[in-house]
Amino acid sequence: LPQHNMFLLRLFGCLTATEDEQLLVKTATESRVYNGPCMKWVAPTHSCQKRQAISLGELEYVVITNTITGEKCVKTGPCQVFLEAHDVSDSKQQAIFLNATQFVRFVDKKTGKIRVEKGEQGCVVPGAYETNMDGHVRTATNLKKHEYARVQNTRDGTERIAKGEQLLFLEAYEELVGTKQ
């Protein structure tokens, strides 16, 4: 090799990433990612970090946050997630599995909207800004033929009567006041 090429080889570092890794290269003016498999020559004035891709199983999800904009998004498995240059991830989470008599209520911390997911839906994943309103999965009330339930809307105080025979799932702002025969 000519003399000037040998100098460049010593001056620049060569970094590689396998198929489940990425290189995050930062200069004075920008940050870029290179998803593997790849090989990059990096100047000594640039910083470089090797990051592992996030491997999500079929029942897993992760929340990703952009550190510049603050925006969040959810990635669900099965897949391999490569972060963008300004992204950070929360730890992997397990999706919620609902059987026929269960439901879960999520409240969106950004909009205040409540979303209710009921019954056999397979795996349910909260949105990027959602949290489990009740802190757990709830079970619907199984009303027999001669039973009824009083349900109160916690938002406006109104009540309704649900008559059996049915599987009673509560809606967004509802709470069970009591059941009787």
Protein backbone atom coordinates (compact mmCIF):
# COMPACT_ATOMS: atom_id res chain seq x y z
CA LEU A 1 0.00 0.00 0.00
CA PRO A 2 1.20 3.54 -0.66
CA GLN A 3 2.48 5.48 2.34
CA HIS A 4 -0.55 7.82 2.59
CA ASN A 5 -3.00 4.86 2.58
CA MET A 6 -1.15 3.23 5.50
CA PHE A 7 -1.39 6.50 7.40
CA LEU A 8 -5.17 6.64 6.81
CA LEU A 9 -5.58 3.04 7.98
CA ARG A 10 -3.83 3.89 11.27
CA LEU A 11 -5.72 7.16 11.67
CA PHE A 12 -9.23 5.75 11.08
CA GLY A 13 -10.59 2.83 13.09
CA CYS A 14 -12.52 0.00 11.50
CA LEU A 15 -15.57 -1.21 13.39
CA THR A 16 -17.91 -4.05 12.54
CA ALA A 17 -21.42 -5.01 13.62
CA THR A 18 -23.03 -8.41 13.26
CA GLU A 19 -26.62 -8.91 12.07
CA ASP A 20 -28.02 -8.32 15.58
CA GLU A 21 -25.91 -5.24 16.36
CA GLN A 22 -25.71 -1.65 15.24
CA LEU A 23 -23.09 1.08 15.31
CA LEU A 24 -23.99 4.49 16.71
CA VAL A 25 -21.53 7.03 15.31
CA LYS A 26 -21.51 10.56 16.75
CA THR A 27 -19.78 13.53 15.19
CA ALA A 28 -19.76 17.15 16.35
CA THR A 29 -22.90 17.84 14.30
CA GLU A 30 -24.86 14.61 13.98
CA SER A 31 -25.53 11.08 15.18
CA ARG A 32 -26.12 8.16 12.81
CA VAL A 33 -26.81 4.47 13.19
CA TYR A 34 -25.64 1.68 10.93
CA ASN A 35 -27.50 -1.59 11.34
CA GLY A 36 -25.51 -4.78 10.98
CA PRO A 37 -24.11 -6.60 9.36
CA CYS A 38 -21.78 -3.75 8.45
CA MET A 39 -18.23 -2.44 8.60
CA LYS A 40 -17.49 1.28 9.07
CA TRP A 41 -14.35 3.36 9.11
CA VAL A 42 -14.57 5.88 11.92
CA ALA A 43 -12.40 8.98 12.28
CA PRO A 44 -10.68 9.44 15.66
CA THR A 45 -12.70 12.64 16.22
CA HIS A 46 -15.94 10.66 16.12
CA SER A 47 -17.29 8.55 18.95
CA CYS A 48 -18.69 5.14 18.21
CA GLN A 49 -20.80 2.80 20.28
CA LYS A 50 -21.87 -0.73 19.43
CA ARG A 51 -25.46 -1.50 20.47
CA GLN A 52 -27.30 -4.80 20.59
CA ALA A 53 -30.62 -5.02 18.72
CA ILE A 54 -33.62 -5.70 20.95
CA SER A 55 -34.96 -9.17 20.27
CA LEU A 56 -38.68 -9.41 21.05
CA GLY A 57 -40.51 -12.69 21.39
CA GLU A 58 -44.10 -13.22 20.27
CA LEU A 59 -45.55 -12.11 23.63
CA GLU A 60 -43.20 -9.17 24.30
CA TYR A 61 -43.18 -5.45 23.62
CA VAL A 62 -40.95 -2.47 24.34
CA VAL A 63 -41.55 1.28 24.59
CA ILE A 64 -39.06 3.42 22.64
CA THR A 65 -38.49 7.12 23.46
CA ASN A 66 -36.86 9.66 21.16
CA THR A 67 -34.59 11.74 23.42
CA ILE A 68 -34.81 14.81 21.14
CA THR A 69 -38.59 15.05 20.67
CA GLY A 70 -39.77 13.07 23.71
CA GLU A 71 -42.15 11.11 21.47
CA LYS A 72 -42.76 7.48 22.36
CA CYS A 73 -43.76 4.44 20.33
CA VAL A 74 -44.41 0.77 21.04
CA LYS A 75 -42.74 -2.09 19.16
CA THR A 76 -44.34 -5.53 19.49
CA GLY A 77 -42.80 -8.92 18.82
CA PRO A 78 -41.86 -11.12 17.30
CA CYS A 79 -39.15 -8.96 15.75
CA GLN A 80 -35.71 -7.51 16.12
CA VAL A 81 -35.73 -3.79 16.97
CA PHE A 82 -32.93 -1.47 15.91
CA LEU A 83 -33.06 1.90 17.65
CA GLU A 84 -32.69 5.17 15.78
CA ALA A 85 -29.79 7.49 16.65
CA HIS A 86 -31.63 9.40 19.40
CA ASP A 87 -33.75 6.54 20.75
CA VAL A 88 -33.65 4.84 24.13
CA SER A 89 -35.75 1.87 25.16
CA ASP A 90 -37.48 0.81 28.33
CA SER A 91 -36.99 -2.79 29.41
CA LYS A 92 -38.93 -5.50 27.58
CA GLN A 93 -42.43 -6.19 28.89
CA GLN A 94 -44.82 -9.11 28.63
CA ALA A 95 -48.05 -8.58 26.71
CA ILE A 96 -51.29 -9.12 28.65
CA PHE A 97 -53.19 -12.30 27.85
CA LEU A 98 -56.97 -12.15 28.32
CA ASN A 99 -59.31 -15.12 28.56
CA ALA A 100 -63.03 -14.95 27.72
CA THR A 101 -64.07 -13.51 31.12
CA GLN A 102 -61.30 -10.95 31.61
CA PHE A 103 -60.86 -7.31 30.69
CA VAL A 104 -58.28 -4.58 31.14
CA ARG A 105 -58.60 -0.80 31.11
CA PHE A 106 -55.80 1.46 29.95
CA VAL A 107 -55.63 5.22 30.55
CA ASP A 108 -53.59 7.31 28.12
CA LYS A 109 -51.43 9.70 30.18
CA LYS A 110 -51.15 12.08 27.22
CA THR A 111 -54.84 12.40 26.28
CA GLY A 112 -56.70 11.09 29.35
CA LYS A 113 -58.70 8.73 27.15
CA ILE A 114 -59.57 5.30 28.57
CA ARG A 115 -59.45 2.19 26.39
CA VAL A 116 -61.17 -1.05 27.41
CA GLU A 117 -60.07 -4.42 25.99
CA LYS A 118 -62.42 -7.34 26.67
CA GLY A 119 -62.36 -11.11 26.38
CA GLU A 120 -60.39 -13.43 24.17
CA GLN A 121 -58.17 -11.15 22.13
CA GLY A 122 -54.94 -13.03 22.49
CA CYS A 123 -52.24 -10.63 23.61
CA VAL A 124 -53.04 -7.02 24.48
CA VAL A 125 -50.35 -4.34 24.62
CA PRO A 126 -50.72 -0.85 26.11
CA GLY A 127 -50.02 2.13 23.89
CA ALA A 128 -46.88 4.22 24.30
CA TYR A 129 -48.48 6.56 26.84
CA GLU A 130 -50.93 4.10 28.40
CA THR A 131 -50.88 2.50 31.83
CA ASN A 132 -53.14 -0.15 33.32
CA MET A 133 -55.87 1.92 35.01
CA ASP A 134 -56.73 -0.74 37.60
CA GLY A 135 -53.19 -2.06 38.03
CA HIS A 136 -54.26 -5.58 37.05
CA VAL A 137 -56.48 -7.65 34.78
CA ARG A 138 -60.09 -7.69 35.95
CA THR A 139 -62.73 -10.41 35.74
CA ALA A 140 -66.21 -9.73 34.36
CA THR A 141 -69.19 -10.38 36.64
CA ASN A 142 -71.19 -13.45 35.67
CA LEU A 143 -74.84 -12.58 36.29
CA LYS A 144 -77.26 -15.50 36.58
CA LYS A 145 -80.79 -15.41 35.17
CA HIS A 146 -82.43 -13.85 38.26
CA GLU A 147 -79.55 -11.58 39.31
CA TYR A 148 -78.84 -7.95 38.61
CA ALA A 149 -76.00 -5.52 39.25
CA ARG A 150 -75.83 -1.81 39.99
CA VAL A 151 -73.11 -0.10 37.99
CA GLN A 152 -72.05 3.49 38.66
CA ASN A 153 -70.37 5.86 36.22
CA THR A 154 -67.62 7.48 38.29
CA ARG A 155 -67.36 10.38 35.87
CA ASP A 156 -70.92 11.73 36.19
CA GLY A 157 -72.39 9.70 39.07
CA THR A 158 -75.18 8.10 37.03
CA GLU A 159 -76.13 4.50 37.67
CA ARG A 160 -77.47 1.73 35.50
CA ILE A 161 -78.90 -1.68 36.23
CA ALA A 162 -77.49 -4.68 34.38
CA LYS A 163 -79.85 -7.65 34.39
CA GLY A 164 -78.84 -11.31 34.13
CA GLU A 165 -78.21 -13.58 32.34
CA GLN A 166 -74.99 -12.05 31.03
CA LEU A 167 -71.29 -11.61 31.47
CA LEU A 168 -70.93 -8.00 32.69
CA PHE A 169 -67.84 -6.14 31.53
CA LEU A 170 -67.32 -2.67 33.00
CA GLU A 171 -66.79 0.23 30.61
CA ALA A 172 -64.24 3.06 30.87
CA TYR A 173 -65.63 4.97 33.88
CA GLU A 174 -67.75 2.28 35.47
CA GLU A 175 -67.50 0.56 38.83
CA LEU A 176 -69.64 -2.24 40.23
CA VAL A 177 -71.74 -0.97 43.16
CA GLY A 178 -73.32 -4.31 44.03
CA THR A 179 -75.14 -7.42 42.84
CA LYS A 180 -78.43 -8.93 44.06
CA GLN A 181 -80.78 -11.76 43.30
